[in-house]
Amino acid sequence: MAERSESSGRPEKRQAITRAARKMFGQDGYTRASVDAIAAEAGVSKRTIYNHFADKEQLFLTVALEGAREVTAAIGQIMDRHLRKIVDLGQDLVDFTLDRVAAVADFPDHFALVRTIEAEAARIPPEILKAWTDVGPQTAHLRLAPYLRRIADSGLLDIDDADTAAAHLTLLTITDWNQQTFYGAVPLPHDEVTRMVTAGVQAFLRAYRP
């Protein structure tokens, strides 16, 4: 499944292929999306795709992981902006979560791919699912934990296990929104999102505030 050398084709061709693949996999799903359709969307030949990627499985894995890394980096910037220096813990957590929710709109093709992964998990090779979990959801979760640890060290939270606390905050806020909106595909009114996020943060603070 190793990706072929970049020397086998120009970088701009590879970028066109990955953009097209992300769109087609998100639109048609892993099983139905064909290499022929991806080639047509990218404006390249099928052979050009195989010059860059060994097979459809490798192409799917590549676009899934690249998108996950981009989203994780964006979320990391949002964490740093809101959680590095705490002014009002409750409001800072709400503002962080609202910005994290809003960031989904910046990556529509990636989150369409996320919906594909969840809908077709039984038909996607397990090594792809494992790699996706390690780079995508797990990475974002683990990057939140050190921020909560520092907040706890300042006396604002009472936390024994920062990883568990990060999982709880995510479940109480982001996960609820993701499930209700299907990762932004079915928008909710801003007031409803704010109410949902605020309620989740309040529940988190009831559990972890000293």
N, C-alpha and C. Protein backbone atom coordinates (compact mmCIF):
# COMPACT_ATOMS: atom_id res chain seq x y z
N MET A 1 0.81 -1.21 0.00
CA MET A 1 0.00 0.00 0.00
C MET A 1 0.85 1.27 0.00
N ALA A 2 2.17 1.15 -0.13
CA ALA A 2 3.02 2.33 -0.07
C ALA A 2 2.74 3.26 -1.23
N GLU A 3 2.70 4.56 -0.93
CA GLU A 3 2.45 5.56 -1.97
C GLU A 3 3.67 5.67 -2.85
N ARG A 4 3.47 5.85 -4.14
CA ARG A 4 4.57 5.91 -5.08
C ARG A 4 5.27 7.25 -5.02
N SER A 5 6.48 7.27 -5.53
CA SER A 5 7.32 8.46 -5.46
C SER A 5 6.70 9.65 -6.17
N GLU A 6 6.91 10.84 -5.61
CA GLU A 6 6.42 12.05 -6.23
C GLU A 6 7.08 12.29 -7.58
N SER A 7 8.28 11.69 -7.77
CA SER A 7 8.98 11.87 -9.04
C SER A 7 8.25 11.25 -10.20
N SER A 8 7.26 10.36 -9.91
CA SER A 8 6.51 9.74 -10.98
C SER A 8 5.49 10.69 -11.60
N GLY A 9 5.35 11.89 -11.07
CA GLY A 9 4.41 12.86 -11.64
C GLY A 9 4.58 14.18 -10.94
N ARG A 10 4.02 15.23 -11.51
CA ARG A 10 4.19 16.57 -10.98
C ARG A 10 3.33 16.77 -9.73
N PRO A 11 3.84 17.60 -8.77
CA PRO A 11 3.08 17.83 -7.54
C PRO A 11 1.69 18.38 -7.78
N GLU A 12 1.53 19.27 -8.79
CA GLU A 12 0.21 19.84 -9.04
C GLU A 12 -0.79 18.78 -9.50
N LYS A 13 -0.29 17.76 -10.18
CA LYS A 13 -1.17 16.66 -10.58
C LYS A 13 -1.65 15.90 -9.34
N ARG A 14 -0.73 15.67 -8.44
CA ARG A 14 -1.10 14.96 -7.20
C ARG A 14 -2.14 15.75 -6.42
N GLN A 15 -1.94 17.06 -6.34
CA GLN A 15 -2.89 17.90 -5.61
C GLN A 15 -4.27 17.87 -6.27
N ALA A 16 -4.30 17.89 -7.59
CA ALA A 16 -5.58 17.81 -8.30
C ALA A 16 -6.27 16.48 -8.02
N ILE A 17 -5.48 15.42 -7.96
CA ILE A 17 -6.03 14.09 -7.70
C ILE A 17 -6.59 14.01 -6.28
N THR A 18 -5.85 14.49 -5.30
CA THR A 18 -6.33 14.39 -3.92
C THR A 18 -7.56 15.27 -3.68
N ARG A 19 -7.59 16.45 -4.31
CA ARG A 19 -8.79 17.29 -4.18
C ARG A 19 -10.00 16.58 -4.78
N ALA A 20 -9.81 16.01 -5.94
CA ALA A 20 -10.92 15.32 -6.60
C ALA A 20 -11.34 14.08 -5.81
N ALA A 21 -10.36 13.36 -5.29
CA ALA A 21 -10.68 12.15 -4.52
C ALA A 21 -11.45 12.49 -3.26
N ARG A 22 -11.05 13.54 -2.57
CA ARG A 22 -11.76 13.94 -1.35
C ARG A 22 -13.21 14.28 -1.67
N LYS A 23 -13.40 14.99 -2.78
CA LYS A 23 -14.76 15.36 -3.19
C LYS A 23 -15.58 14.13 -3.56
N MET A 24 -15.02 13.24 -4.38
CA MET A 24 -15.79 12.10 -4.87
C MET A 24 -16.05 11.08 -3.77
N PHE A 25 -15.08 10.83 -2.92
CA PHE A 25 -15.31 9.90 -1.80
C PHE A 25 -16.37 10.46 -0.86
N GLY A 26 -16.32 11.76 -0.60
CA GLY A 26 -17.33 12.36 0.25
C GLY A 26 -18.71 12.37 -0.38
N GLN A 27 -18.75 12.51 -1.69
CA GLN A 27 -20.03 12.58 -2.41
C GLN A 27 -20.64 11.20 -2.66
N ASP A 28 -19.81 10.25 -3.10
CA ASP A 28 -20.32 8.93 -3.51
C ASP A 28 -20.03 7.82 -2.51
N GLY A 29 -19.15 8.06 -1.55
CA GLY A 29 -18.79 7.01 -0.60
C GLY A 29 -17.58 6.23 -1.07
N TYR A 30 -17.00 5.48 -0.16
CA TYR A 30 -15.79 4.72 -0.46
C TYR A 30 -16.06 3.64 -1.49
N THR A 31 -17.15 2.91 -1.34
CA THR A 31 -17.42 1.77 -2.21
C THR A 31 -17.80 2.22 -3.62
N ARG A 32 -18.65 3.21 -3.74
CA ARG A 32 -19.19 3.61 -5.03
C ARG A 32 -18.26 4.51 -5.83
N ALA A 33 -17.45 5.29 -5.17
CA ALA A 33 -16.54 6.19 -5.90
C ALA A 33 -15.52 5.36 -6.68
N SER A 34 -15.41 5.64 -7.95
CA SER A 34 -14.49 4.88 -8.80
C SER A 34 -13.27 5.70 -9.14
N VAL A 35 -12.18 5.01 -9.45
CA VAL A 35 -10.98 5.70 -9.88
C VAL A 35 -11.24 6.44 -11.18
N ASP A 36 -12.07 5.88 -12.06
CA ASP A 36 -12.43 6.57 -13.30
C ASP A 36 -13.10 7.91 -13.02
N ALA A 37 -14.04 7.92 -12.07
CA ALA A 37 -14.74 9.16 -11.73
C ALA A 37 -13.79 10.18 -11.11
N ILE A 38 -12.89 9.71 -10.27
CA ILE A 38 -11.91 10.61 -9.66
C ILE A 38 -11.00 11.21 -10.72
N ALA A 39 -10.57 10.38 -11.67
CA ALA A 39 -9.72 10.87 -12.76
C ALA A 39 -10.44 11.94 -13.56
N ALA A 40 -11.71 11.70 -13.87
CA ALA A 40 -12.48 12.68 -14.64
C ALA A 40 -12.62 13.98 -13.86
N GLU A 41 -12.90 13.90 -12.57
CA GLU A 41 -13.04 15.10 -11.74
C GLU A 41 -11.72 15.87 -11.66
N ALA A 42 -10.60 15.14 -11.61
CA ALA A 42 -9.29 15.77 -11.49
C ALA A 42 -8.76 16.28 -12.83
N GLY A 43 -9.37 15.81 -13.92
CA GLY A 43 -8.89 16.21 -15.24
C GLY A 43 -7.59 15.53 -15.61
N VAL A 44 -7.42 14.29 -15.13
CA VAL A 44 -6.22 13.52 -15.44
C VAL A 44 -6.64 12.15 -15.94
N SER A 45 -5.68 11.39 -16.44
CA SER A 45 -5.97 10.03 -16.86
C SER A 45 -5.94 9.09 -15.66
N LYS A 46 -6.58 7.96 -15.83
CA LYS A 46 -6.56 6.94 -14.77
C LYS A 46 -5.11 6.50 -14.50
N ARG A 47 -4.33 6.41 -15.57
CA ARG A 47 -2.94 6.01 -15.41
C ARG A 47 -2.16 7.00 -14.55
N THR A 48 -2.48 8.29 -14.71
CA THR A 48 -1.80 9.31 -13.89
C THR A 48 -2.07 9.08 -12.41
N ILE A 49 -3.30 8.70 -12.07
CA ILE A 49 -3.61 8.40 -10.66
C ILE A 49 -2.72 7.26 -10.16
N TYR A 50 -2.59 6.22 -10.98
CA TYR A 50 -1.78 5.07 -10.56
C TYR A 50 -0.28 5.36 -10.60
N ASN A 51 0.12 6.46 -11.23
CA ASN A 51 1.51 6.89 -11.13
C ASN A 51 1.82 7.46 -9.74
N HIS A 52 0.78 7.95 -9.08
CA HIS A 52 0.95 8.56 -7.76
C HIS A 52 0.51 7.65 -6.62
N PHE A 53 -0.48 6.81 -6.85
CA PHE A 53 -1.05 5.99 -5.78
C PHE A 53 -1.18 4.55 -6.25
N ALA A 54 -0.86 3.64 -5.36
CA ALA A 54 -0.86 2.23 -5.74
C ALA A 54 -2.25 1.72 -6.10
N ASP A 55 -3.26 2.20 -5.38
CA ASP A 55 -4.61 1.70 -5.61
C ASP A 55 -5.61 2.65 -4.96
N LYS A 56 -6.88 2.34 -5.12
CA LYS A 56 -7.95 3.17 -4.57
C LYS A 56 -7.85 3.24 -3.04
N GLU A 57 -7.49 2.13 -2.42
CA GLU A 57 -7.38 2.09 -0.96
C GLU A 57 -6.32 3.09 -0.47
N GLN A 58 -5.16 3.10 -1.16
CA GLN A 58 -4.10 4.03 -0.76
C GLN A 58 -4.52 5.48 -0.98
N LEU A 59 -5.26 5.73 -2.05
CA LEU A 59 -5.73 7.09 -2.32
C LEU A 59 -6.70 7.54 -1.24
N PHE A 60 -7.63 6.68 -0.86
CA PHE A 60 -8.58 7.02 0.19
C PHE A 60 -7.86 7.31 1.50
N LEU A 61 -6.92 6.44 1.86
CA LEU A 61 -6.17 6.63 3.10
C LEU A 61 -5.43 7.96 3.08
N THR A 62 -4.81 8.28 1.96
CA THR A 62 -4.05 9.52 1.85
C THR A 62 -4.92 10.74 2.08
N VAL A 63 -6.06 10.81 1.38
CA VAL A 63 -6.89 12.01 1.52
C VAL A 63 -7.52 12.08 2.91
N ALA A 64 -7.85 10.93 3.49
CA ALA A 64 -8.42 10.93 4.84
C ALA A 64 -7.41 11.46 5.85
N LEU A 65 -6.16 10.99 5.76
CA LEU A 65 -5.15 11.40 6.73
C LEU A 65 -4.70 12.84 6.50
N GLU A 66 -4.57 13.25 5.24
CA GLU A 66 -4.18 14.64 4.98
C GLU A 66 -5.24 15.59 5.52
N GLY A 67 -6.52 15.28 5.28
CA GLY A 67 -7.59 16.13 5.79
C GLY A 67 -7.60 16.16 7.31
N ALA A 68 -7.38 15.00 7.93
CA ALA A 68 -7.38 14.93 9.39
C ALA A 68 -6.27 15.78 9.97
N ARG A 69 -5.11 15.75 9.34
CA ARG A 69 -3.99 16.56 9.84
C ARG A 69 -4.28 18.05 9.70
N GLU A 70 -4.88 18.44 8.58
CA GLU A 70 -5.22 19.85 8.39
C GLU A 70 -6.23 20.32 9.44
N VAL A 71 -7.25 19.52 9.68
CA VAL A 71 -8.27 19.89 10.66
C VAL A 71 -7.68 19.92 12.07
N THR A 72 -6.85 18.94 12.39
CA THR A 72 -6.23 18.89 13.71
C THR A 72 -5.35 20.10 13.95
N ALA A 73 -4.62 20.53 12.92
CA ALA A 73 -3.78 21.72 13.05
C ALA A 73 -4.64 22.96 13.28
N ALA A 74 -5.75 23.06 12.57
CA ALA A 74 -6.65 24.21 12.75
C ALA A 74 -7.24 24.22 14.15
N ILE A 75 -7.64 23.05 14.63
CA ILE A 75 -8.20 22.96 15.99
C ILE A 75 -7.13 23.32 17.02
N GLY A 76 -5.88 22.91 16.76
CA GLY A 76 -4.80 23.25 17.67
C GLY A 76 -4.63 24.75 17.81
N GLN A 77 -4.77 25.48 16.70
CA GLN A 77 -4.68 26.94 16.77
C GLN A 77 -5.83 27.54 17.58
N ILE A 78 -7.01 26.94 17.43
CA ILE A 78 -8.17 27.43 18.19
C ILE A 78 -7.96 27.16 19.68
N MET A 79 -7.44 26.00 20.02
CA MET A 79 -7.14 25.69 21.42
C MET A 79 -6.17 26.72 21.99
N ASP A 80 -5.12 26.99 21.24
CA ASP A 80 -4.09 27.90 21.74
C ASP A 80 -4.66 29.30 21.94
N ARG A 81 -5.53 29.71 21.04
CA ARG A 81 -6.10 31.06 21.12
C ARG A 81 -6.99 31.22 22.35
N HIS A 82 -7.75 30.19 22.68
CA HIS A 82 -8.73 30.32 23.76
C HIS A 82 -8.28 29.74 25.10
N LEU A 83 -7.40 28.76 25.10
CA LEU A 83 -7.12 28.01 26.33
C LEU A 83 -5.72 28.20 26.88
N ARG A 84 -4.85 28.90 26.16
CA ARG A 84 -3.50 29.10 26.69
C ARG A 84 -3.53 30.04 27.89
N LYS A 85 -4.34 31.10 27.81
CA LYS A 85 -4.47 32.04 28.92
C LYS A 85 -5.95 32.17 29.26
N ILE A 86 -6.30 31.73 30.47
CA ILE A 86 -7.70 31.71 30.90
C ILE A 86 -8.06 33.01 31.60
N VAL A 87 -9.13 33.64 31.15
CA VAL A 87 -9.66 34.84 31.79
C VAL A 87 -10.93 34.50 32.56
N ASP A 88 -11.88 33.87 31.89
CA ASP A 88 -13.12 33.38 32.50
C ASP A 88 -13.29 31.95 31.99
N LEU A 89 -13.05 30.97 32.86
CA LEU A 89 -12.96 29.59 32.42
C LEU A 89 -14.20 29.14 31.66
N GLY A 90 -15.38 29.39 32.23
CA GLY A 90 -16.60 28.94 31.58
C GLY A 90 -16.76 29.57 30.20
N GLN A 91 -16.59 30.88 30.12
CA GLN A 91 -16.76 31.57 28.84
C GLN A 91 -15.67 31.18 27.85
N ASP A 92 -14.44 30.99 28.35
CA ASP A 92 -13.36 30.59 27.46
C ASP A 92 -13.62 29.22 26.85
N LEU A 93 -14.16 28.29 27.64
CA LEU A 93 -14.48 26.97 27.12
C LEU A 93 -15.62 27.03 26.10
N VAL A 94 -16.61 27.87 26.39
CA VAL A 94 -17.72 28.05 25.43
C VAL A 94 -17.20 28.65 24.13
N ASP A 95 -16.38 29.70 24.22
CA ASP A 95 -15.86 30.36 23.02
C ASP A 95 -14.98 29.41 22.22
N PHE A 96 -14.16 28.63 22.92
CA PHE A 96 -13.32 27.64 22.23
C PHE A 96 -14.18 26.65 21.46
N THR A 97 -15.21 26.14 22.10
CA THR A 97 -16.04 25.12 21.46
C THR A 97 -16.82 25.70 20.29
N LEU A 98 -17.33 26.91 20.44
CA LEU A 98 -18.07 27.53 19.33
C LEU A 98 -17.15 27.76 18.13
N ASP A 99 -15.92 28.17 18.37
CA ASP A 99 -14.98 28.36 17.26
C ASP A 99 -14.61 27.01 16.64
N ARG A 100 -14.51 25.99 17.47
CA ARG A 100 -14.21 24.66 16.94
C ARG A 100 -15.35 24.15 16.07
N VAL A 101 -16.58 24.40 16.50
CA VAL A 101 -17.75 24.04 15.69
C VAL A 101 -17.74 24.80 14.37
N ALA A 102 -17.48 26.11 14.44
CA ALA A 102 -17.49 26.94 13.24
C ALA A 102 -16.43 26.51 12.24
N ALA A 103 -15.32 25.96 12.73
CA ALA A 103 -14.23 25.55 11.85
C ALA A 103 -14.63 24.41 10.91
N VAL A 104 -15.67 23.67 11.26
CA VAL A 104 -16.12 22.58 10.39
C VAL A 104 -16.48 23.11 9.01
N ALA A 105 -17.03 24.33 8.96
CA ALA A 105 -17.43 24.92 7.68
C ALA A 105 -16.23 25.21 6.78
N ASP A 106 -15.03 25.28 7.36
CA ASP A 106 -13.84 25.54 6.56
C ASP A 106 -13.33 24.29 5.85
N PHE A 107 -13.86 23.13 6.22
CA PHE A 107 -13.37 21.86 5.65
C PHE A 107 -14.54 20.98 5.22
N PRO A 108 -15.42 21.49 4.34
CA PRO A 108 -16.63 20.73 4.00
C PRO A 108 -16.34 19.39 3.35
N ASP A 109 -15.34 19.33 2.46
CA ASP A 109 -15.05 18.05 1.79
C ASP A 109 -14.48 17.03 2.77
N HIS A 110 -13.69 17.51 3.72
CA HIS A 110 -13.14 16.57 4.71
C HIS A 110 -14.25 15.97 5.57
N PHE A 111 -15.18 16.80 6.01
CA PHE A 111 -16.22 16.27 6.89
C PHE A 111 -17.25 15.45 6.12
N ALA A 112 -17.37 15.68 4.81
CA ALA A 112 -18.15 14.75 3.99
C ALA A 112 -17.47 13.39 3.98
N LEU A 113 -16.14 13.41 3.97
CA LEU A 113 -15.38 12.15 4.03
C LEU A 113 -15.56 11.48 5.39
N VAL A 114 -15.62 12.27 6.44
CA VAL A 114 -15.87 11.71 7.78
C VAL A 114 -17.22 10.99 7.81
N ARG A 115 -18.23 11.60 7.20
CA ARG A 115 -19.54 10.94 7.14
C ARG A 115 -19.45 9.62 6.37
N THR A 116 -18.65 9.60 5.32
CA THR A 116 -18.44 8.36 4.57
C THR A 116 -17.79 7.30 5.45
N ILE A 117 -16.78 7.69 6.20
CA ILE A 117 -16.09 6.73 7.06
C ILE A 117 -17.05 6.13 8.09
N GLU A 118 -17.88 6.96 8.69
CA GLU A 118 -18.81 6.46 9.70
C GLU A 118 -19.90 5.60 9.06
N ALA A 119 -20.37 5.99 7.88
CA ALA A 119 -21.46 5.24 7.24
C ALA A 119 -20.99 3.91 6.66
N GLU A 120 -19.72 3.84 6.23
CA GLU A 120 -19.24 2.65 5.54
C GLU A 120 -18.14 1.93 6.31
N ALA A 121 -18.10 2.11 7.61
CA ALA A 121 -17.01 1.54 8.41
C ALA A 121 -16.85 0.05 8.18
N ALA A 122 -17.96 -0.68 8.02
CA ALA A 122 -17.87 -2.13 7.84
C ALA A 122 -17.27 -2.52 6.49
N ARG A 123 -17.26 -1.60 5.54
CA ARG A 123 -16.75 -1.92 4.20
C ARG A 123 -15.39 -1.28 3.92
N ILE A 124 -14.89 -0.49 4.85
CA ILE A 124 -13.58 0.15 4.69
C ILE A 124 -12.52 -0.74 5.33
N PRO A 125 -11.39 -0.98 4.66
CA PRO A 125 -10.34 -1.84 5.24
C PRO A 125 -9.97 -1.40 6.66
N PRO A 126 -9.82 -2.35 7.57
CA PRO A 126 -9.58 -2.00 8.98
C PRO A 126 -8.31 -1.20 9.21
N GLU A 127 -7.28 -1.40 8.37
CA GLU A 127 -6.06 -0.63 8.57
C GLU A 127 -6.28 0.85 8.28
N ILE A 128 -7.21 1.15 7.37
CA ILE A 128 -7.55 2.55 7.11
C ILE A 128 -8.28 3.14 8.32
N LEU A 129 -9.21 2.38 8.87
CA LEU A 129 -9.95 2.87 10.04
C LEU A 129 -9.01 3.12 11.21
N LYS A 130 -8.04 2.21 11.41
CA LYS A 130 -7.09 2.37 12.52
C LYS A 130 -6.22 3.61 12.30
N ALA A 131 -5.72 3.77 11.09
CA ALA A 131 -4.88 4.94 10.80
C ALA A 131 -5.66 6.23 10.95
N TRP A 132 -6.91 6.21 10.52
CA TRP A 132 -7.77 7.40 10.63
C TRP A 132 -8.02 7.75 12.10
N THR A 133 -8.33 6.77 12.92
CA THR A 133 -8.58 7.01 14.32
C THR A 133 -7.35 7.58 15.02
N ASP A 134 -6.19 7.04 14.68
CA ASP A 134 -4.95 7.49 15.32
C ASP A 134 -4.59 8.92 14.96
N VAL A 135 -4.84 9.32 13.71
CA VAL A 135 -4.43 10.65 13.25
C VAL A 135 -5.54 11.69 13.41
N GLY A 136 -6.79 11.25 13.29
CA GLY A 136 -7.91 12.18 13.33
C GLY A 136 -8.47 12.41 14.71
N PRO A 137 -9.55 11.70 15.07
CA PRO A 137 -10.24 11.96 16.35
C PRO A 137 -9.33 11.85 17.56
N GLN A 138 -8.46 10.83 17.60
CA GLN A 138 -7.63 10.65 18.78
C GLN A 138 -6.62 11.78 18.94
N THR A 139 -6.07 12.26 17.84
CA THR A 139 -5.07 13.33 17.93
C THR A 139 -5.67 14.61 18.48
N ALA A 140 -6.83 15.00 17.95
CA ALA A 140 -7.49 16.22 18.44
C ALA A 140 -7.81 16.10 19.92
N HIS A 141 -8.27 14.94 20.33
CA HIS A 141 -8.61 14.70 21.74
C HIS A 141 -7.36 14.80 22.62
N LEU A 142 -6.27 14.17 22.18
CA LEU A 142 -5.06 14.17 23.00
C LEU A 142 -4.41 15.55 23.06
N ARG A 143 -4.62 16.37 22.04
CA ARG A 143 -4.04 17.72 22.07
C ARG A 143 -4.78 18.63 23.03
N LEU A 144 -6.03 18.32 23.34
CA LEU A 144 -6.78 19.12 24.31
C LEU A 144 -6.34 18.84 25.74
N ALA A 145 -5.93 17.61 26.01
CA ALA A 145 -5.61 17.20 27.38
C ALA A 145 -4.55 18.09 28.05
N PRO A 146 -3.43 18.44 27.40
CA PRO A 146 -2.43 19.28 28.09
C PRO A 146 -2.95 20.65 28.49
N TYR A 147 -3.86 21.21 27.71
CA TYR A 147 -4.45 22.50 28.08
C TYR A 147 -5.26 22.35 29.37
N LEU A 148 -6.05 21.28 29.44
CA LEU A 148 -6.85 21.06 30.66
C LEU A 148 -5.94 20.77 31.85
N ARG A 149 -4.82 20.08 31.61
CA ARG A 149 -3.87 19.82 32.69
C ARG A 149 -3.31 21.11 33.25
N ARG A 150 -2.94 22.04 32.36
CA ARG A 150 -2.40 23.32 32.82
C ARG A 150 -3.45 24.14 33.57
N ILE A 151 -4.68 24.07 33.07
CA ILE A 151 -5.76 24.79 33.76
C ILE A 151 -5.97 24.20 35.16
N ALA A 152 -5.91 22.88 35.25
CA ALA A 152 -6.05 22.22 36.56
C ALA A 152 -4.89 22.60 37.48
N ASP A 153 -3.69 22.67 36.93
CA ASP A 153 -2.52 23.04 37.75
C ASP A 153 -2.64 24.45 38.30
N SER A 154 -3.42 25.29 37.63
CA SER A 154 -3.62 26.66 38.13
C SER A 154 -4.70 26.71 39.21
N GLY A 155 -5.38 25.58 39.45
CA GLY A 155 -6.38 25.50 40.51
C GLY A 155 -7.81 25.71 40.05
N LEU A 156 -8.01 25.86 38.73
CA LEU A 156 -9.36 26.13 38.23
C LEU A 156 -10.16 24.86 37.94
N LEU A 157 -9.48 23.73 37.82
CA LEU A 157 -10.15 22.45 37.62
C LEU A 157 -9.55 21.42 38.56
N ASP A 158 -10.34 20.41 38.89
CA ASP A 158 -9.88 19.31 39.72
C ASP A 158 -9.86 18.06 38.84
N ILE A 159 -8.68 17.74 38.30
CA ILE A 159 -8.56 16.67 37.31
C ILE A 159 -7.50 15.67 37.75
N ASP A 160 -7.86 14.39 37.75
CA ASP A 160 -6.88 13.33 37.98
C ASP A 160 -6.27 12.86 36.66
N ASP A 161 -7.11 12.69 35.65
CA ASP A 161 -6.68 12.18 34.34
C ASP A 161 -7.11 13.17 33.27
N ALA A 162 -6.15 13.91 32.72
CA ALA A 162 -6.47 14.95 31.74
C ALA A 162 -7.03 14.36 30.45
N ASP A 163 -6.58 13.18 30.05
CA ASP A 163 -7.11 12.54 28.84
C ASP A 163 -8.60 12.25 28.99
N THR A 164 -8.97 11.73 30.16
CA THR A 164 -10.38 11.43 30.42
C THR A 164 -11.20 12.71 30.46
N ALA A 165 -10.67 13.74 31.09
CA ALA A 165 -11.38 15.02 31.15
C ALA A 165 -11.58 15.59 29.75
N ALA A 166 -10.56 15.49 28.91
CA ALA A 166 -10.68 15.98 27.53
C ALA A 166 -11.75 15.20 26.77
N ALA A 167 -11.79 13.89 26.99
CA ALA A 167 -12.83 13.08 26.35
C ALA A 167 -14.21 13.50 26.81
N HIS A 168 -14.36 13.78 28.10
CA HIS A 168 -15.66 14.18 28.64
C HIS A 168 -16.09 15.53 28.08
N LEU A 169 -15.16 16.49 28.00
CA LEU A 169 -15.52 17.80 27.45
C LEU A 169 -15.95 17.66 25.99
N THR A 170 -15.24 16.85 25.25
CA THR A 170 -15.59 16.63 23.84
C THR A 170 -16.95 15.98 23.70
N LEU A 171 -17.21 14.97 24.50
CA LEU A 171 -18.50 14.26 24.43
C LEU A 171 -19.66 15.18 24.80
N LEU A 172 -19.45 16.04 25.76
CA LEU A 172 -20.52 16.92 26.23
C LEU A 172 -20.79 18.10 25.30
N THR A 173 -19.88 18.37 24.40
CA THR A 173 -20.03 19.55 23.55
C THR A 173 -19.95 19.20 22.07
N ILE A 174 -18.77 18.90 21.57
CA ILE A 174 -18.56 18.67 20.14
C ILE A 174 -19.32 17.45 19.64
N THR A 175 -19.26 16.35 20.37
CA THR A 175 -19.90 15.12 19.90
C THR A 175 -21.39 15.29 19.74
N ASP A 176 -22.02 15.97 20.67
CA ASP A 176 -23.46 16.21 20.59
C ASP A 176 -23.79 17.01 19.33
N TRP A 177 -23.00 18.06 19.08
CA TRP A 177 -23.22 18.88 17.88
C TRP A 177 -22.98 18.07 16.60
N ASN A 178 -21.89 17.30 16.58
CA ASN A 178 -21.60 16.48 15.40
C ASN A 178 -22.75 15.54 15.06
N GLN A 179 -23.31 14.91 16.09
CA GLN A 179 -24.37 13.94 15.86
C GLN A 179 -25.65 14.60 15.39
N GLN A 180 -25.96 15.75 15.95
CA GLN A 180 -27.21 16.42 15.58
C GLN A 180 -27.14 17.07 14.20
N THR A 181 -25.95 17.48 13.79
CA THR A 181 -25.81 18.18 12.50
C THR A 181 -25.15 17.32 11.43
N PHE A 182 -24.76 16.10 11.79
CA PHE A 182 -24.03 15.24 10.85
C PHE A 182 -22.80 15.99 10.32
N TYR A 183 -22.02 16.46 11.26
CA TYR A 183 -20.78 17.20 10.96
C TYR A 183 -21.06 18.40 10.06
N GLY A 184 -22.07 19.16 10.43
CA GLY A 184 -22.35 20.40 9.75
C GLY A 184 -23.22 20.30 8.52
N ALA A 185 -23.61 19.10 8.12
CA ALA A 185 -24.42 18.93 6.91
C ALA A 185 -25.84 19.45 7.10
N VAL A 186 -26.34 19.40 8.35
CA VAL A 186 -27.69 19.88 8.66
C VAL A 186 -27.53 21.00 9.70
N PRO A 187 -27.41 22.24 9.27
CA PRO A 187 -27.10 23.35 10.19
C PRO A 187 -28.18 23.54 11.25
N LEU A 188 -27.73 24.01 12.40
CA LEU A 188 -28.64 24.41 13.47
C LEU A 188 -28.55 25.92 13.65
N PRO A 189 -29.62 26.55 14.13
CA PRO A 189 -29.54 28.00 14.40
C PRO A 189 -28.43 28.29 15.41
N HIS A 190 -27.79 29.45 15.24
CA HIS A 190 -26.67 29.81 16.11
C HIS A 190 -27.08 29.80 17.59
N ASP A 191 -28.27 30.29 17.89
CA ASP A 191 -28.72 30.32 19.29
C ASP A 191 -28.82 28.92 19.86
N GLU A 192 -29.27 27.96 19.04
CA GLU A 192 -29.39 26.58 19.50
C GLU A 192 -28.01 25.96 19.73
N VAL A 193 -27.07 26.27 18.85
CA VAL A 193 -25.71 25.77 19.02
C VAL A 193 -25.10 26.33 20.30
N THR A 194 -25.30 27.62 20.51
CA THR A 194 -24.76 28.25 21.72
C THR A 194 -25.37 27.64 22.97
N ARG A 195 -26.68 27.41 22.95
CA ARG A 195 -27.34 26.79 24.10
C ARG A 195 -26.78 25.40 24.36
N MET A 196 -26.60 24.62 23.30
CA MET A 196 -26.10 23.26 23.43
C MET A 196 -24.67 23.24 24.00
N VAL A 197 -23.83 24.10 23.44
CA VAL A 197 -22.44 24.15 23.89
C VAL A 197 -22.35 24.64 25.33
N THR A 198 -23.11 25.67 25.66
CA THR A 198 -23.08 26.22 27.02
C THR A 198 -23.54 25.18 28.03
N ALA A 199 -24.59 24.43 27.70
CA ALA A 199 -25.06 23.39 28.61
C ALA A 199 -24.00 22.31 28.80
N GLY A 200 -23.31 21.95 27.72
CA GLY A 200 -22.26 20.95 27.83
C GLY A 200 -21.10 21.42 28.68
N VAL A 201 -20.69 22.68 28.51
CA VAL A 201 -19.60 23.23 29.31
C VAL A 201 -20.01 23.30 30.78
N GLN A 202 -21.24 23.70 31.04
CA GLN A 202 -21.70 23.77 32.43
C GLN A 202 -21.69 22.39 33.08
N ALA A 203 -22.09 21.37 32.35
CA ALA A 203 -22.06 20.01 32.89
C ALA A 203 -20.61 19.58 33.16
N PHE A 204 -19.72 19.93 32.27
CA PHE A 204 -18.29 19.62 32.47
C PHE A 204 -17.76 20.30 33.73
N LEU A 205 -18.10 21.55 33.91
CA LEU A 205 -17.60 22.29 35.07
C LEU A 205 -18.20 21.77 36.37
N ARG A 206 -19.44 21.33 36.32
CA ARG A 206 -20.03 20.74 37.54
C ARG A 206 -19.26 19.48 37.94
N ALA A 207 -18.75 18.78 36.97
CA ALA A 207 -18.00 17.55 37.27
C ALA A 207 -16.55 17.82 37.68
N TYR A 208 -15.95 18.90 37.14
CA TYR A 208 -14.50 19.07 37.31
C TYR A 208 -14.08 20.36 38.01
N ARG A 209 -15.01 21.23 38.32
CA ARG A 209 -14.59 22.43 39.05
C ARG A 209 -14.33 22.07 40.50
N PRO A 210 -13.28 22.62 41.11
CA PRO A 210 -12.97 22.29 42.53
C PRO A 210 -14.12 22.63 43.45
